[in-house]
Amino acid sequence: MTTTVWAPKTEVETKSIVKPAARRKSRVPSFVPPLIVATAVLAVWYLVSYVFLDQTRRFLLPPPHEIFTGAIFVPDILADIGLASLRTTIVALIGLLIAIVLGVAWAVAMSQARWLETSLFPYAVILQCIPILALVPLIGFWFGFEYPARVIVCVMIALFPMVSNTLFGIQSVDPGQRELFRLHGAARWTVLRKLEFPNALPAIFAGMRISAGLAVVGAIVGDFFFRRGEPGLGALISNYQAQIQSEELFAAIIAASLLGIVIFAAFGWLSRAVVGTWYESSDR
């Protein structure tokens, strides 16, 4: 009878067994997958324009190159879209700034006492759940149909992400750190300024990025309904739609999309610049 003698594995053998598989780095550049998707979308777009739509109905989805030759490369149309984009940007940034200030103040107030959170947070949820289009006529009736009403629409749409993200960031402080401050007799304002608010910065900036995109939507929606004063992208889109100017309509929609992307990316850069590399949201 043979006897099997057990011996502990060496350190090298153990490491070779338990060593996790290294995450393989992709050799494909990061811009290639989005480029492939964009190419596929353009191919389907051309297919629908030239195969599924006849000449009389092609205005419903004009080919991409006709949007450039018929609108974007036309100086007068490009000037109108650029000026409208500038006006929409101003409204969106003003509304976003107000939403950031109100949202952070609202969340800080709720974080100070449980009864304040119980009393105030349901109204933030209600504000988010109310269909904004149902309130647009009422906002115009109260505040007129020019810039103030458009800014109010932006604030109402962009406010909730700031409230919820800021409150989440403040409440996610490590209980041990909070207890350490309490043992040292730190005042409530000191805890907020030196512990809770710095801990909430990543969440606050995440809320800013979400609210930035929503502020652009609010500016366009408000401009779409409040047509008095200088027109923005919303009024321009409405005019092109009424006159069945499909190339100009698609060009204005592309400009609105690019505006939202630029503002979203700008706040992403601001988040990295302010928060820095001390916070990693995921292991990439």
Protein backbone atom coordinates (compact mmCIF):
# COMPACT_ATOMS: atom_id res chain seq x y z
CA MET A 1 0.00 0.00 0.00
CA THR A 2 1.37 3.32 -1.01
CA THR A 3 1.07 6.28 1.30
CA THR A 4 0.52 9.76 -0.08
CA VAL A 5 2.50 12.31 1.82
CA TRP A 6 0.96 15.78 1.86
CA ALA A 7 3.33 18.69 1.75
CA PRO A 8 2.43 22.36 1.76
CA LYS A 9 2.79 24.06 -1.55
CA THR A 10 5.53 26.51 -1.98
CA GLU A 11 4.82 30.22 -2.14
CA VAL A 12 5.44 30.25 -5.88
CA GLU A 13 3.03 27.37 -6.47
CA THR A 14 0.36 28.99 -4.29
CA LYS A 15 0.61 32.28 -6.13
CA SER A 16 0.32 30.50 -9.44
CA ILE A 17 -2.94 28.90 -8.28
CA VAL A 18 -4.69 31.83 -6.64
CA LYS A 19 -3.38 34.55 -8.91
CA PRO A 20 -6.39 36.15 -10.60
CA ALA A 21 -6.46 36.37 -14.32
CA ALA A 22 -5.12 39.72 -15.40
CA ARG A 23 -7.56 41.91 -17.18
CA ARG A 24 -6.57 42.01 -20.79
CA LYS A 25 -6.10 45.40 -22.23
CA SER A 26 -7.86 45.87 -25.50
CA ARG A 27 -5.60 46.67 -28.41
CA VAL A 28 -8.46 48.40 -30.22
CA PRO A 29 -8.35 52.21 -29.81
CA SER A 30 -11.24 53.64 -27.82
CA PHE A 31 -12.58 55.66 -30.74
CA VAL A 32 -13.02 52.64 -33.00
CA PRO A 33 -16.23 51.12 -31.49
CA PRO A 34 -18.14 54.45 -31.57
CA LEU A 35 -16.90 54.97 -35.13
CA ILE A 36 -18.23 51.57 -36.15
CA VAL A 37 -21.62 52.35 -34.60
CA ALA A 38 -21.74 55.74 -36.36
CA THR A 39 -20.92 54.09 -39.68
CA ALA A 40 -23.70 51.56 -39.17
CA VAL A 41 -26.19 54.31 -38.29
CA LEU A 42 -25.24 56.30 -41.42
CA ALA A 43 -25.58 53.17 -43.56
CA VAL A 44 -29.08 52.49 -42.22
CA TRP A 45 -29.92 56.18 -42.67
CA TYR A 46 -28.93 56.10 -46.34
CA LEU A 47 -30.76 52.81 -46.80
CA VAL A 48 -34.01 54.26 -45.47
CA SER A 49 -33.63 57.48 -47.46
CA TYR A 50 -32.93 55.91 -50.83
CA VAL A 51 -34.59 52.49 -50.62
CA PHE A 52 -37.62 52.77 -48.36
CA LEU A 53 -38.60 56.35 -49.21
CA ASP A 54 -39.43 57.50 -52.68
CA GLN A 55 -38.50 60.92 -54.02
CA THR A 56 -41.73 62.58 -52.91
CA ARG A 57 -41.38 61.39 -49.30
CA ARG A 58 -37.63 61.74 -48.90
CA PHE A 59 -38.11 64.99 -46.99
CA LEU A 60 -39.10 62.85 -44.00
CA LEU A 61 -35.51 61.63 -43.69
CA PRO A 62 -33.12 63.44 -46.05
CA PRO A 63 -29.74 61.82 -46.66
CA PRO A 64 -26.99 63.04 -44.32
CA HIS A 65 -25.00 64.82 -47.03
CA GLU A 66 -28.03 66.90 -48.02
CA ILE A 67 -28.25 68.20 -44.44
CA PHE A 68 -24.75 69.61 -44.88
CA THR A 69 -25.13 70.91 -48.43
CA GLY A 70 -28.66 72.23 -47.90
CA ALA A 71 -28.33 73.71 -44.41
CA ILE A 72 -25.07 73.51 -42.50
CA PHE A 73 -22.90 74.77 -45.37
CA VAL A 74 -25.36 77.58 -46.19
CA PRO A 75 -24.01 80.74 -44.49
CA ASP A 76 -27.38 82.35 -43.68
CA ILE A 77 -28.84 79.18 -42.18
CA LEU A 78 -25.65 78.42 -40.28
CA ALA A 79 -25.67 81.95 -38.85
CA ASP A 80 -29.28 81.58 -37.70
CA ILE A 81 -28.55 78.23 -36.04
CA GLY A 82 -25.39 79.57 -34.40
CA LEU A 83 -27.16 82.62 -32.99
CA ALA A 84 -30.06 80.50 -31.73
CA SER A 85 -27.59 78.08 -30.13
CA LEU A 86 -25.91 80.96 -28.32
CA ARG A 87 -29.23 82.19 -26.91
CA THR A 88 -30.18 78.67 -25.82
CA THR A 89 -26.77 78.22 -24.20
CA ILE A 90 -27.20 81.41 -22.15
CA VAL A 91 -30.63 80.34 -20.91
CA ALA A 92 -29.42 76.80 -20.11
CA LEU A 93 -26.36 78.00 -18.18
CA ILE A 94 -28.34 80.53 -16.14
CA GLY A 95 -30.97 77.92 -15.29
CA LEU A 96 -28.27 75.35 -14.48
CA LEU A 97 -26.46 77.75 -12.15
CA ILE A 98 -29.67 78.50 -10.26
CA ALA A 99 -30.51 74.79 -10.08
CA ILE A 100 -27.04 74.00 -8.67
CA VAL A 101 -27.32 76.65 -5.95
CA LEU A 102 -30.89 75.72 -4.99
CA GLY A 103 -30.26 71.98 -5.19
CA VAL A 104 -27.16 72.02 -3.00
CA ALA A 105 -28.80 74.32 -0.45
CA TRP A 106 -31.92 72.14 -0.40
CA ALA A 107 -29.91 68.96 0.13
CA VAL A 108 -27.72 70.50 2.85
CA ALA A 109 -30.82 71.67 4.69
CA MET A 110 -32.35 68.18 4.55
CA SER A 111 -29.12 66.58 5.76
CA GLN A 112 -29.16 68.56 9.00
CA ALA A 113 -32.18 66.83 10.51
CA ARG A 114 -34.29 63.78 9.74
CA TRP A 115 -37.52 65.74 10.10
CA LEU A 116 -36.35 68.24 7.49
CA GLU A 117 -35.61 65.43 5.03
CA THR A 118 -38.99 63.85 5.72
CA SER A 119 -40.72 67.20 5.20
CA LEU A 120 -38.88 68.46 2.12
CA PHE A 121 -37.76 65.48 0.03
CA PRO A 122 -41.29 64.47 -1.08
CA TYR A 123 -41.66 67.88 -2.74
CA ALA A 124 -38.46 67.33 -4.69
CA VAL A 125 -39.89 64.03 -5.93
CA ILE A 126 -43.20 65.70 -6.80
CA LEU A 127 -41.34 68.40 -8.73
CA GLN A 128 -39.55 65.71 -10.71
CA CYS A 129 -42.73 63.73 -11.41
CA ILE A 130 -44.92 66.62 -12.56
CA PRO A 131 -45.05 66.72 -16.39
CA ILE A 132 -43.28 69.96 -17.18
CA LEU A 133 -45.35 70.48 -20.33
CA ALA A 134 -48.45 70.67 -18.17
CA LEU A 135 -46.93 73.56 -16.20
CA VAL A 136 -45.57 75.51 -19.17
CA PRO A 137 -48.81 77.45 -19.83
CA LEU A 138 -49.07 78.31 -16.13
CA ILE A 139 -45.45 79.49 -16.03
CA GLY A 140 -46.10 81.70 -19.04
CA PHE A 141 -49.23 83.09 -17.44
CA TRP A 142 -47.35 84.02 -14.25
CA PHE A 143 -43.94 85.10 -15.54
CA GLY A 144 -44.52 86.12 -19.15
CA PHE A 145 -43.23 84.42 -22.28
CA GLU A 146 -39.64 85.60 -22.55
CA TYR A 147 -36.32 84.77 -20.86
CA PRO A 148 -37.48 84.52 -17.20
CA ALA A 149 -40.04 81.86 -18.06
CA ARG A 150 -37.47 79.85 -20.06
CA VAL A 151 -35.02 79.99 -17.17
CA ILE A 152 -37.69 78.78 -14.74
CA VAL A 153 -38.40 75.78 -16.97
CA CYS A 154 -34.66 74.96 -16.99
CA VAL A 155 -34.50 75.17 -13.20
CA MET A 156 -37.52 72.92 -12.71
CA ILE A 157 -36.12 70.24 -15.02
CA ALA A 158 -32.52 70.37 -13.75
CA LEU A 159 -33.16 70.71 -10.00
CA PHE A 160 -33.90 67.16 -8.86
CA PRO A 161 -30.55 65.53 -9.82
CA MET A 162 -28.71 68.17 -7.81
CA VAL A 163 -30.91 67.60 -4.76
CA SER A 164 -30.77 63.81 -4.82
CA ASN A 165 -27.07 63.46 -5.66
CA THR A 166 -25.94 66.02 -3.09
CA LEU A 167 -28.06 64.44 -0.36
CA PHE A 168 -26.73 60.99 -1.27
CA GLY A 169 -23.13 62.23 -1.13
CA ILE A 170 -23.57 63.87 2.26
CA GLN A 171 -25.32 60.85 3.77
CA SER A 172 -22.75 58.36 2.43
CA VAL A 173 -20.02 59.53 4.82
CA ASP A 174 -18.24 56.70 6.64
CA PRO A 175 -19.88 56.34 10.09
CA GLY A 176 -16.46 55.88 11.67
CA GLN A 177 -15.25 59.23 10.38
CA ARG A 178 -18.45 60.90 11.51
CA GLU A 179 -18.02 59.38 14.98
CA LEU A 180 -14.40 60.58 15.10
CA PHE A 181 -15.54 64.16 14.49
CA ARG A 182 -18.20 63.76 17.16
CA LEU A 183 -15.67 62.48 19.71
CA HIS A 184 -13.54 65.56 19.12
CA GLY A 185 -16.54 67.81 19.74
CA ALA A 186 -16.66 69.23 16.22
CA ALA A 187 -19.50 71.65 15.57
CA ARG A 188 -22.17 70.77 13.03
CA TRP A 189 -20.87 73.36 10.57
CA THR A 190 -17.33 71.97 10.93
CA VAL A 191 -18.53 68.44 10.17
CA LEU A 192 -20.36 69.68 7.12
CA ARG A 193 -17.47 71.80 5.83
CA LYS A 194 -14.57 69.44 6.51
CA LEU A 195 -16.13 66.00 6.20
CA GLU A 196 -19.55 65.77 4.59
CA PHE A 197 -19.22 68.31 1.79
CA PRO A 198 -15.78 67.11 0.56
CA ASN A 199 -17.09 63.54 0.65
CA ALA A 200 -20.13 64.61 -1.41
CA LEU A 201 -18.13 66.39 -4.14
CA PRO A 202 -18.01 63.43 -6.57
CA ALA A 203 -21.77 62.93 -6.23
CA ILE A 204 -22.39 66.66 -6.60
CA PHE A 205 -20.43 66.81 -9.84
CA ALA A 206 -22.23 63.71 -11.11
CA GLY A 207 -25.48 65.55 -10.45
CA MET A 208 -24.12 68.59 -12.28
CA ARG A 209 -23.41 66.53 -15.38
CA ILE A 210 -26.94 65.12 -15.37
CA SER A 211 -28.49 68.53 -14.71
CA ALA A 212 -26.38 70.11 -17.45
CA GLY A 213 -27.99 67.93 -20.10
CA LEU A 214 -31.44 68.46 -18.62
CA ALA A 215 -30.90 72.23 -18.58
CA VAL A 216 -30.36 72.19 -22.35
CA VAL A 217 -33.57 70.21 -22.74
CA GLY A 218 -35.39 72.71 -20.53
CA ALA A 219 -34.06 75.67 -22.52
CA ILE A 220 -35.22 74.13 -25.79
CA VAL A 221 -38.62 73.14 -24.38
CA GLY A 222 -39.16 76.59 -22.91
CA ASP A 223 -38.10 78.26 -26.14
CA PHE A 224 -40.38 75.93 -28.10
CA PHE A 225 -43.42 77.21 -26.20
CA PHE A 226 -42.40 80.76 -25.23
CA ARG A 227 -41.82 82.30 -28.65
CA ARG A 228 -41.71 85.91 -27.65
CA GLY A 229 -38.40 87.71 -27.67
CA GLU A 230 -35.30 86.50 -29.45
CA PRO A 231 -35.75 82.91 -30.69
CA GLY A 232 -33.51 80.08 -29.58
CA LEU A 233 -33.12 76.57 -30.93
CA GLY A 234 -36.60 75.53 -29.82
CA ALA A 235 -38.31 78.31 -31.76
CA LEU A 236 -36.06 77.66 -34.74
CA ILE A 237 -36.96 73.95 -34.73
CA SER A 238 -40.65 74.86 -34.50
CA ASN A 239 -40.36 77.25 -37.47
CA TYR A 240 -38.52 74.73 -39.63
CA GLN A 241 -41.09 72.09 -38.76
CA ALA A 242 -44.01 74.36 -39.68
CA GLN A 243 -42.42 75.22 -43.03
CA ILE A 244 -41.40 71.59 -43.74
CA GLN A 245 -37.74 72.55 -44.14
CA SER A 246 -36.34 69.12 -43.39
CA GLU A 247 -32.64 69.81 -43.99
CA GLU A 248 -32.75 72.89 -41.77
CA LEU A 249 -34.78 71.00 -39.16
CA PHE A 250 -32.25 68.19 -38.93
CA ALA A 251 -29.39 70.70 -38.80
CA ALA A 252 -31.02 72.48 -35.85
CA ILE A 253 -31.61 69.16 -34.09
CA ILE A 254 -27.95 68.22 -34.59
CA ALA A 255 -26.92 71.60 -33.17
CA ALA A 256 -29.11 71.01 -30.10
CA SER A 257 -27.57 67.57 -29.60
CA LEU A 258 -24.03 68.90 -29.92
CA LEU A 259 -24.85 71.68 -27.44
CA GLY A 260 -25.96 69.15 -24.85
CA ILE A 261 -22.86 67.01 -25.44
CA VAL A 262 -20.52 70.00 -25.13
CA ILE A 263 -22.06 71.18 -21.84
CA PHE A 264 -22.07 67.62 -20.47
CA ALA A 265 -18.40 67.16 -21.42
CA ALA A 266 -17.48 70.56 -19.96
CA PHE A 267 -18.85 69.60 -16.57
CA GLY A 268 -17.08 66.26 -16.81
CA TRP A 269 -13.79 68.12 -17.32
CA LEU A 270 -14.66 70.44 -14.43
CA SER A 271 -15.32 67.43 -12.21
CA ARG A 272 -11.92 65.94 -12.99
CA ALA A 273 -10.22 69.30 -12.46
CA VAL A 274 -11.83 69.96 -9.07
CA VAL A 275 -12.09 66.48 -7.60
CA GLY A 276 -8.80 65.33 -9.12
CA THR A 277 -7.55 61.77 -9.02
CA TRP A 278 -8.21 61.11 -5.32
CA TYR A 279 -11.60 59.64 -6.12
CA GLU A 280 -12.08 56.70 -8.47
CA SER A 281 -15.67 55.78 -9.26
CA SER A 282 -14.70 52.38 -10.68
CA ASP A 283 -11.65 50.24 -11.31
CA ARG A 284 -10.99 50.57 -14.99
